[in-house]
Amino acid sequence: MRSNKQWVLIMILVVNIGFGVWGSGFEFDETEFHHNTTEVISFLEASSSAAVAPNPLIVGLTLIPQAAAKGAVCLDGTLPGYHLHRGFESGANSWLIQLEGGGWCNTVRSCVYRKTTRRGSSKFFEKQLAFTGILSNKAEDNPDFFNWNRVKVRYCDGASFAGDSEDKANDLQFRGHKIFLAAMEDLMSKGMRNADQALLSGCSAGGLASILHCDEFSSLFLGSTKVKCLADAGMFMDTTDVGGEHTLRNMYEGVVTLQGVAKNLSPACTSKLDPTSCFFPQNIVSDIKTPMFILNAAYDSWQVVSSLCTAPADPNGAWKACRNNPGNCSPSQINFFQDFRNQMLNALKGFSTSKQNGLFVNSCFAHCQTERQDTWFADDSPVINNKPVALAVGDWYFDRSSVKETDCPFPCDKSCHNLLFRS
């Protein structure tokens, strides 16, 4: 593994249109900030080769016709869907389910806008997707899961597959939980019910979804199936931003209330805490019974840009340069991020004490490391103790070794593929 620090440049386009943060690329999108002051952020990668392996596998879209009868529809009432590439040889009876990410919508206005994008309507789904990283079918790019049945479940509800309500007046269907169940039922009918091994995964809002649905996913299988869950960049923290406000909590409260999420949250949590608190992973991961792996950047780029250092929290722009590039941060600003890291590690203490769970928290300014080839498994992938993400996850899933990897604080890790932003 090379030791030089990797940087990926991201372009940020900011437009005040009142509909939430929307973008493409690494699932940094659809978050509305307070007082209808919003940003549209389009994350464009400077070098596509950093995220996508050469000649990636291209997989077609499958819609789920029977989902409509179950009320399992996207925000606009269209059919949900997924992309499936069949397993082969030793992996023919193993299944990896990747829940797509893509932010949330927390107001009627932001959800109505979301209907005009691939995050709210299957009319705008890509008909084909590149499968890279954990979804790759090449052993050299994905050593442990390359020949499994690999599925990307599309995300078109805006509540991490957890809502169940509707707004008839605005023609909105909040049916994320029904979409999850309909997709699982359809995949079960295509052979997943007989799986020897299964892994529920997801990145960003999909990472949160894999946490919220982990035990439910496990309950679908017989006791003979080895079932585990993986959350990539799903450890969203209930913490204060640079202005002392709770930007993410305020947004999550809107998601939970608007989309009827409370009924689908962990009863073990909601018996003690309010529903919004139970949408935050820090309050539920320790109670999950199914083995789980938490993969997260200690300084998650989405949280830095969209919940910690937002424009409303930083009206004078004191954090703008630091937010876009950690190399521009003052010592006190770095200390703020170190405190955020410490809060995340403290929230994971109970989770990490369980022998069945795995942990990989690297001290990078990054977001979503499983689907990007350069961060999942490549010659210069991020490592902790010389172990890249793919091998850490594989060692944990197959019980080859215990994996509880916590990085030293920034800027010690020179293997990070940090994301830089240019306004």
Protein backbone atom coordinates (compact mmCIF):
# COMPACT_ATOMS: atom_id res chain seq x y z
CA MET A 1 0.00 0.00 0.00
CA ARG A 2 1.31 3.44 -0.90
CA SER A 3 1.68 5.92 1.95
CA ASN A 4 1.04 9.15 0.06
CA LYS A 5 -2.10 11.05 0.98
CA GLN A 6 -4.84 10.87 -1.66
CA TRP A 7 -7.10 13.82 -2.44
CA VAL A 8 -10.30 13.89 -4.44
CA LEU A 9 -11.56 17.27 -5.62
CA ILE A 10 -15.28 17.91 -5.48
CA MET A 11 -17.08 20.83 -7.10
CA ILE A 12 -19.82 22.57 -5.11
CA LEU A 13 -22.59 24.47 -6.85
CA VAL A 14 -24.71 26.53 -4.46
CA VAL A 15 -28.13 27.75 -5.56
CA ASN A 16 -30.84 29.24 -3.33
CA ILE A 17 -34.02 27.58 -4.53
CA GLY A 18 -35.70 26.52 -1.30
CA PHE A 19 -35.87 22.79 -1.93
CA GLY A 20 -33.01 21.20 -0.05
CA VAL A 21 -29.53 20.02 -0.79
CA TRP A 22 -29.47 17.84 -3.86
CA GLY A 23 -26.57 16.38 -5.73
CA SER A 24 -25.01 13.51 -7.56
CA GLY A 25 -21.89 11.53 -6.96
CA PHE A 26 -21.37 10.31 -3.42
CA GLU A 27 -24.92 10.63 -2.09
CA PHE A 28 -24.52 14.13 -0.64
CA ASP A 29 -28.03 15.35 -1.26
CA GLU A 30 -31.58 16.26 -0.32
CA THR A 31 -31.12 17.87 3.08
CA GLU A 32 -33.15 20.96 3.80
CA PHE A 33 -31.81 23.43 6.31
CA HIS A 34 -33.85 25.73 8.50
CA HIS A 35 -36.05 28.65 7.51
CA ASN A 36 -36.27 27.41 3.91
CA THR A 37 -32.73 28.64 3.31
CA THR A 38 -31.30 25.85 1.22
CA GLU A 39 -28.42 24.87 -0.95
CA VAL A 40 -28.15 22.69 -3.99
CA ILE A 41 -24.81 20.91 -3.87
CA SER A 42 -23.62 19.08 -6.94
CA PHE A 43 -20.61 16.94 -6.16
CA LEU A 44 -18.64 16.28 -9.33
CA GLU A 45 -15.55 14.20 -9.19
CA ALA A 46 -12.47 15.63 -10.87
CA SER A 47 -11.16 12.20 -11.81
CA SER A 48 -13.79 9.52 -12.38
CA SER A 49 -11.10 6.86 -12.39
CA ALA A 50 -10.61 7.40 -8.65
CA ALA A 51 -14.07 6.05 -7.87
CA VAL A 52 -14.79 3.62 -10.68
CA ALA A 53 -12.59 0.73 -11.71
CA PRO A 54 -11.73 0.32 -15.41
CA ASN A 55 -14.43 -1.49 -17.42
CA PRO A 56 -16.88 -1.86 -14.53
CA LEU A 57 -19.71 -4.35 -14.59
CA ILE A 58 -22.92 -2.69 -15.86
CA VAL A 59 -26.16 -4.04 -14.37
CA GLY A 60 -29.70 -3.38 -15.59
CA LEU A 61 -32.70 -2.17 -13.60
CA THR A 62 -35.51 -4.46 -12.42
CA LEU A 63 -38.80 -2.85 -11.34
CA ILE A 64 -41.07 -4.70 -8.91
CA PRO A 65 -44.56 -4.88 -10.53
CA GLN A 66 -46.25 -6.53 -7.54
CA ALA A 67 -45.06 -3.75 -5.22
CA ALA A 68 -47.89 -1.40 -6.18
CA ALA A 69 -50.55 -3.78 -4.84
CA LYS A 70 -48.74 -3.72 -1.50
CA GLY A 71 -48.59 0.08 -1.46
CA ALA A 72 -44.83 -0.07 -1.85
CA VAL A 73 -44.24 2.89 -4.15
CA CYS A 74 -41.84 5.80 -4.55
CA LEU A 75 -42.73 9.32 -3.43
CA ASP A 76 -44.59 9.92 -6.70
CA GLY A 77 -46.37 6.55 -6.73
CA THR A 78 -44.07 4.88 -9.27
CA LEU A 79 -42.72 1.37 -8.84
CA PRO A 80 -39.56 0.74 -6.80
CA GLY A 81 -36.72 -1.33 -8.16
CA TYR A 82 -33.27 -2.81 -7.85
CA HIS A 83 -30.25 -3.97 -9.86
CA LEU A 84 -29.29 -7.65 -9.47
CA HIS A 85 -26.19 -9.43 -10.71
CA ARG A 86 -26.37 -13.16 -10.11
CA GLY A 87 -23.77 -14.99 -8.06
CA PHE A 88 -21.72 -17.81 -9.47
CA GLU A 89 -19.60 -20.77 -8.44
CA SER A 90 -18.96 -20.80 -4.67
CA GLY A 91 -21.01 -17.62 -4.21
CA ALA A 92 -24.12 -18.78 -6.07
CA ASN A 93 -26.07 -19.18 -2.82
CA SER A 94 -24.79 -16.08 -1.02
CA TRP A 95 -26.50 -12.68 -1.14
CA LEU A 96 -25.27 -9.12 -0.63
CA ILE A 97 -27.97 -6.43 -0.47
CA GLN A 98 -26.76 -2.84 -0.83
CA LEU A 99 -29.34 -0.20 0.13
CA GLU A 100 -28.80 2.94 -1.94
CA GLY A 101 -28.16 6.24 -0.17
CA GLY A 102 -29.20 9.74 -1.10
CA GLY A 103 -30.17 11.95 1.84
CA TRP A 104 -33.68 12.64 3.11
CA CYS A 105 -36.60 15.02 2.62
CA ASN A 106 -38.08 16.58 5.73
CA THR A 107 -40.74 19.01 4.45
CA VAL A 108 -43.57 18.79 1.95
CA ARG A 109 -41.69 21.23 -0.25
CA SER A 110 -38.45 19.26 -0.29
CA CYS A 111 -40.31 15.97 -0.86
CA VAL A 112 -42.33 17.45 -3.74
CA TYR A 113 -39.06 18.55 -5.32
CA ARG A 114 -37.53 15.13 -4.68
CA LYS A 115 -40.29 13.58 -6.83
CA THR A 116 -38.64 15.23 -9.84
CA THR A 117 -35.38 13.35 -9.25
CA ARG A 118 -34.15 9.75 -9.14
CA ARG A 119 -34.45 10.03 -5.34
CA GLY A 120 -38.23 10.19 -5.48
CA SER A 121 -39.37 8.59 -8.71
CA SER A 122 -38.36 5.52 -10.66
CA LYS A 123 -39.13 7.51 -13.82
CA PHE A 124 -35.70 9.03 -13.29
CA PHE A 125 -33.80 5.89 -12.25
CA GLU A 126 -30.75 5.10 -14.32
CA LYS A 127 -31.63 2.05 -16.39
CA GLN A 128 -28.12 0.70 -15.78
CA LEU A 129 -25.62 1.13 -12.94
CA ALA A 130 -21.90 0.39 -12.67
CA PHE A 131 -21.16 -2.17 -9.95
CA THR A 132 -17.82 -1.33 -8.34
CA GLY A 133 -16.20 -1.79 -4.95
CA ILE A 134 -18.22 -4.17 -2.80
CA LEU A 135 -20.52 -4.78 -5.79
CA SER A 136 -17.75 -5.67 -8.24
CA ASN A 137 -17.69 -9.10 -9.89
CA LYS A 138 -13.89 -9.16 -10.09
CA ALA A 139 -11.89 -11.02 -7.43
CA GLU A 140 -9.01 -8.56 -7.73
CA ASP A 141 -11.37 -5.67 -6.88
CA ASN A 142 -13.66 -7.40 -4.38
CA PRO A 143 -11.91 -10.44 -2.93
CA ASP A 144 -14.63 -11.82 -0.64
CA PHE A 145 -17.96 -10.95 -2.28
CA PHE A 146 -17.19 -10.84 -6.03
CA ASN A 147 -19.15 -13.99 -6.88
CA TRP A 148 -22.12 -13.47 -4.56
CA ASN A 149 -25.57 -12.44 -5.74
CA ARG A 150 -25.13 -8.65 -5.46
CA VAL A 151 -28.12 -6.31 -5.34
CA LYS A 152 -28.43 -2.52 -5.32
CA VAL A 153 -31.88 -1.55 -3.99
CA ARG A 154 -32.85 1.88 -5.31
CA TYR A 155 -33.80 4.62 -2.87
CA CYS A 156 -36.88 6.70 -3.71
CA ASP A 157 -38.64 7.47 -0.43
CA GLY A 158 -36.50 9.99 1.46
CA ALA A 159 -36.57 8.40 4.93
CA SER A 160 -33.96 5.63 4.81
CA PHE A 161 -36.60 3.02 3.85
CA ALA A 162 -38.38 3.67 7.17
CA GLY A 163 -41.49 5.78 6.53
CA ASP A 164 -45.09 4.67 6.14
CA SER A 165 -47.66 7.42 5.56
CA GLU A 166 -48.99 9.65 2.81
CA ASP A 167 -49.93 13.23 2.00
CA LYS A 168 -52.84 13.04 -0.42
CA ALA A 169 -53.13 16.81 -0.75
CA ASN A 170 -49.62 17.01 -2.18
CA ASP A 171 -49.70 13.62 -3.90
CA LEU A 172 -46.87 12.20 -1.79
CA GLN A 173 -46.40 8.57 -0.80
CA PHE A 174 -44.05 7.93 2.11
CA ARG A 175 -43.69 4.16 1.76
CA GLY A 176 -40.04 3.43 2.41
CA HIS A 177 -40.66 0.57 4.79
CA LYS A 178 -43.07 -1.09 2.39
CA ILE A 179 -40.48 -0.67 -0.39
CA PHE A 180 -37.88 -2.45 1.74
CA LEU A 181 -40.26 -5.33 2.45
CA ALA A 182 -41.43 -5.61 -1.17
CA ALA A 183 -37.85 -5.71 -2.43
CA MET A 184 -36.88 -8.36 0.10
CA GLU A 185 -39.94 -10.47 -0.77
CA ASP A 186 -39.15 -10.27 -4.47
CA LEU A 187 -35.52 -11.24 -3.89
CA MET A 188 -36.61 -14.08 -1.61
CA SER A 189 -38.67 -15.44 -4.50
CA LYS A 190 -35.57 -15.32 -6.69
CA GLY A 191 -33.52 -17.56 -4.42
CA MET A 192 -32.51 -15.45 -1.46
CA ARG A 193 -34.75 -17.41 0.94
CA ASN A 194 -32.38 -20.36 0.51
CA ALA A 195 -29.22 -18.33 1.10
CA ASP A 196 -26.35 -19.86 3.00
CA GLN A 197 -24.91 -16.40 3.66
CA ALA A 198 -26.42 -12.91 3.54
CA LEU A 199 -25.10 -9.40 4.17
CA LEU A 200 -27.26 -6.28 4.36
CA SER A 201 -25.21 -3.22 3.51
CA GLY A 202 -25.71 0.40 2.62
CA CYS A 203 -23.94 3.74 2.29
CA SER A 204 -24.94 7.14 3.73
CA ALA A 205 -28.75 7.23 4.09
CA GLY A 206 -28.54 3.59 2.99
CA GLY A 207 -26.02 2.98 5.78
CA LEU A 208 -28.52 4.36 8.26
CA ALA A 209 -31.16 2.12 6.64
CA SER A 210 -28.96 -0.96 7.13
CA ILE A 211 -28.81 -0.10 10.84
CA LEU A 212 -32.54 0.53 11.12
CA HIS A 213 -33.44 -2.71 9.28
CA CYS A 214 -30.65 -5.04 10.37
CA ASP A 215 -32.61 -7.23 12.78
CA GLU A 216 -35.65 -7.16 10.49
CA PHE A 217 -33.50 -8.40 7.62
CA SER A 218 -32.10 -11.16 9.80
CA SER A 219 -35.60 -12.28 10.78
CA LEU A 220 -36.38 -13.11 7.14
CA PHE A 221 -34.02 -16.09 7.17
CA LEU A 222 -33.91 -19.47 8.79
CA GLY A 223 -31.43 -19.97 11.61
CA SER A 224 -29.08 -21.86 9.29
CA THR A 225 -28.30 -18.72 7.24
CA LYS A 226 -25.27 -16.67 8.29
CA VAL A 227 -26.66 -13.11 8.40
CA LYS A 228 -24.74 -9.94 9.17
CA CYS A 229 -25.07 -6.20 8.43
CA LEU A 230 -22.68 -3.47 7.30
CA ALA A 231 -23.26 0.28 7.68
CA ASP A 232 -20.98 2.50 5.59
CA ALA A 233 -21.04 6.23 6.45
CA GLY A 234 -24.29 5.74 8.33
CA MET A 235 -23.14 6.94 11.76
CA PHE A 236 -24.93 10.29 11.67
CA MET A 237 -24.42 12.08 14.97
CA ASP A 238 -26.87 14.05 17.10
CA THR A 239 -24.53 16.90 17.90
CA THR A 240 -24.23 20.68 17.69
CA ASP A 241 -22.98 22.53 14.65
CA VAL A 242 -20.44 25.36 14.60
CA GLY A 243 -23.20 27.81 15.50
CA GLY A 244 -24.31 25.82 18.53
CA GLU A 245 -27.52 24.60 16.88
CA HIS A 246 -28.80 21.09 16.17
CA THR A 247 -29.08 21.27 12.37
CA LEU A 248 -29.26 17.54 11.74
CA ARG A 249 -31.63 16.84 14.65
CA ASN A 250 -34.00 19.54 13.42
CA MET A 251 -33.96 18.02 9.96
CA TYR A 252 -34.42 14.46 11.22
CA GLU A 253 -37.39 15.57 13.31
CA GLY A 254 -39.07 16.71 10.11
CA VAL A 255 -38.30 13.40 8.37
CA VAL A 256 -39.63 11.30 11.24
CA THR A 257 -42.80 13.38 11.70
CA LEU A 258 -43.69 13.94 8.06
CA GLN A 259 -43.06 10.40 6.85
CA GLY A 260 -44.57 8.42 9.74
CA VAL A 261 -41.27 6.83 10.70
CA ALA A 262 -41.93 6.34 14.43
CA LYS A 263 -43.94 3.12 14.04
CA ASN A 264 -40.98 1.45 12.31
CA LEU A 265 -38.28 2.39 14.80
CA SER A 266 -36.77 0.10 17.43
CA PRO A 267 -39.23 -0.44 20.31
CA ALA A 268 -36.25 -0.91 22.62
CA CYS A 269 -35.31 2.68 21.82
CA THR A 270 -38.73 4.34 21.56
CA SER A 271 -39.69 2.96 24.97
CA LYS A 272 -36.95 5.19 26.41
CA LEU A 273 -36.42 8.04 23.95
CA ASP A 274 -38.39 10.22 21.54
CA PRO A 275 -38.73 9.00 17.92
CA THR A 276 -36.27 11.53 16.51
CA SER A 277 -33.57 10.32 18.92
CA CYS A 278 -34.28 6.76 17.77
CA PHE A 279 -33.52 7.73 14.15
CA PHE A 280 -29.95 8.46 15.24
CA PRO A 281 -27.67 5.38 15.11
CA GLN A 282 -25.89 6.27 18.37
CA ASN A 283 -29.08 5.41 20.26
CA ILE A 284 -29.80 2.08 18.59
CA VAL A 285 -26.59 0.33 17.46
CA SER A 286 -25.85 -1.19 20.87
CA ASP A 287 -29.24 -2.92 20.93
CA ILE A 288 -29.00 -4.58 17.52
CA LYS A 289 -28.93 -8.35 17.96
CA THR A 290 -27.56 -9.24 14.51
CA PRO A 291 -23.78 -8.96 14.03
CA MET A 292 -22.97 -5.57 12.53
CA PHE A 293 -19.94 -3.79 11.10
CA ILE A 294 -19.67 0.00 11.37
CA LEU A 295 -17.46 1.58 8.70
CA ASN A 296 -17.15 5.34 9.04
CA ALA A 297 -14.80 8.22 8.47
CA ALA A 298 -14.20 9.97 11.79
CA TYR A 299 -14.69 13.30 10.03
CA ASP A 300 -17.52 12.30 7.73
CA SER A 301 -17.55 14.74 4.80
CA TRP A 302 -21.32 14.83 4.48
CA GLN A 303 -21.69 15.73 8.14
CA VAL A 304 -18.92 18.35 7.95
CA VAL A 305 -20.47 20.11 4.95
CA SER A 306 -24.19 19.52 5.49
CA SER A 307 -24.73 19.41 9.25
CA LEU A 308 -21.71 20.83 11.11
CA CYS A 309 -20.51 23.76 8.96
CA THR A 310 -23.57 24.85 7.01
CA ALA A 311 -23.96 28.40 5.71
CA PRO A 312 -26.75 29.20 8.21
CA ALA A 313 -24.53 28.01 11.08
CA ASP A 314 -21.62 30.06 9.73
CA PRO A 315 -23.16 33.34 8.48
CA ASN A 316 -19.82 35.16 8.46
CA GLY A 317 -18.06 32.45 6.49
CA ALA A 318 -15.41 31.81 9.13
CA TRP A 319 -15.59 28.06 8.47
CA LYS A 320 -15.88 28.12 4.68
CA ALA A 321 -12.22 27.53 3.84
CA CYS A 322 -11.85 24.93 6.59
CA ARG A 323 -15.02 23.12 5.54
CA ASN A 324 -13.78 22.83 1.96
CA ASN A 325 -10.25 21.71 2.87
CA PRO A 326 -9.05 20.56 6.31
CA GLY A 327 -5.63 21.91 5.41
CA ASN A 328 -7.13 25.39 5.79
CA CYS A 329 -8.41 24.81 9.33
CA SER A 330 -7.09 26.70 12.33
CA PRO A 331 -6.03 24.77 15.45
CA SER A 332 -9.33 25.63 17.16
CA GLN A 333 -11.30 24.42 14.15
CA ILE A 334 -9.38 21.16 14.08
CA ASN A 335 -10.15 20.82 17.79
CA PHE A 336 -13.86 21.13 16.95
CA PHE A 337 -13.54 18.22 14.53
CA GLN A 338 -11.52 16.23 17.09
CA ASP A 339 -14.36 16.70 19.56
CA PHE A 340 -16.81 15.46 16.93
CA ARG A 341 -14.61 12.39 16.41
CA ASN A 342 -14.52 11.77 20.16
CA GLN A 343 -18.30 11.96 20.34
CA MET A 344 -18.59 9.35 17.60
CA LEU A 345 -16.10 7.02 19.30
CA ASN A 346 -17.88 7.43 22.64
CA ALA A 347 -21.20 6.60 20.98
CA LEU A 348 -19.65 3.38 19.64
CA LYS A 349 -18.12 2.18 22.92
CA GLY A 350 -20.99 -0.11 23.87
CA PHE A 351 -21.32 -1.39 20.31
CA SER A 352 -17.61 -2.19 20.00
CA THR A 353 -17.50 -4.27 23.19
CA SER A 354 -19.63 -6.96 21.55
CA LYS A 355 -17.48 -9.76 20.13
CA GLN A 356 -19.82 -10.24 17.17
CA ASN A 357 -19.53 -6.63 15.95
CA GLY A 358 -16.85 -5.07 13.76
CA LEU A 359 -15.51 -1.53 13.60
CA PHE A 360 -13.38 0.45 11.15
CA VAL A 361 -13.24 4.19 11.90
CA ASN A 362 -10.52 5.87 9.87
CA SER A 363 -9.49 9.47 10.47
CA CYS A 364 -10.35 10.74 7.02
CA PHE A 365 -12.50 13.52 5.61
CA ALA A 366 -14.45 11.10 3.44
CA HIS A 367 -17.93 9.66 2.90
CA CYS A 368 -19.00 6.23 1.60
CA GLN A 369 -16.03 3.90 1.16
CA THR A 370 -17.59 0.58 0.10
CA GLU A 371 -18.85 1.40 -3.40
CA ARG A 372 -15.83 3.43 -4.52
CA GLN A 373 -13.14 1.14 -5.88
CA ASP A 374 -10.30 3.39 -4.74
CA THR A 375 -11.42 3.28 -1.10
CA TRP A 376 -12.76 -0.30 -1.01
CA PHE A 377 -9.82 -2.25 -2.44
CA ALA A 378 -7.00 -0.86 -4.56
CA ASP A 379 -3.23 -0.58 -4.41
CA ASP A 380 -3.46 2.72 -2.53
CA SER A 381 -6.66 2.16 -0.55
CA PRO A 382 -7.05 3.69 2.92
CA VAL A 383 -5.73 1.35 5.61
CA ILE A 384 -5.61 1.00 9.37
CA ASN A 385 -2.76 -1.17 10.60
CA ASN A 386 -2.00 -2.02 6.95
CA LYS A 387 -5.48 -3.49 6.42
CA PRO A 388 -7.78 -1.98 3.74
CA VAL A 389 -11.53 -1.73 4.18
CA ALA A 390 -12.37 -4.76 2.00
CA LEU A 391 -10.14 -7.14 3.93
CA ALA A 392 -11.33 -5.77 7.28
CA VAL A 393 -14.95 -6.39 6.32
CA GLY A 394 -14.13 -9.84 4.92
CA ASP A 395 -12.14 -10.87 7.99
CA TRP A 396 -15.07 -9.85 10.17
CA TYR A 397 -17.83 -11.43 8.06
CA PHE A 398 -16.08 -14.78 7.69
CA ASP A 399 -14.84 -14.79 11.30
CA ARG A 400 -11.21 -14.92 10.20
CA SER A 401 -10.33 -12.43 12.90
CA SER A 402 -11.84 -9.83 15.21
CA VAL A 403 -11.86 -6.37 13.61
CA LYS A 404 -12.02 -3.36 15.95
CA GLU A 405 -9.95 -0.77 14.10
CA THR A 406 -9.90 2.85 15.31
CA ASP A 407 -7.51 5.25 13.62
CA CYS A 408 -5.27 7.79 15.31
CA PRO A 409 -6.58 11.39 15.06
CA PHE A 410 -6.19 13.61 11.97
CA PRO A 411 -3.74 14.25 10.35
CA CYS A 412 -1.81 11.09 11.20
CA ASP A 413 -3.32 8.81 8.51
CA LYS A 414 -1.51 9.37 5.22
CA SER A 415 -3.53 6.71 3.39
CA CYS A 416 -6.82 8.67 3.45
CA HIS A 417 -8.60 9.60 0.24
CA ASN A 418 -9.84 12.92 1.60
CA LEU A 419 -12.52 14.86 -0.23
CA LEU A 420 -11.75 18.49 -0.98
CA PHE A 421 -14.40 20.95 -2.11
CA ARG A 422 -14.19 23.96 -4.39
CA SER A 423 -17.03 26.45 -4.18
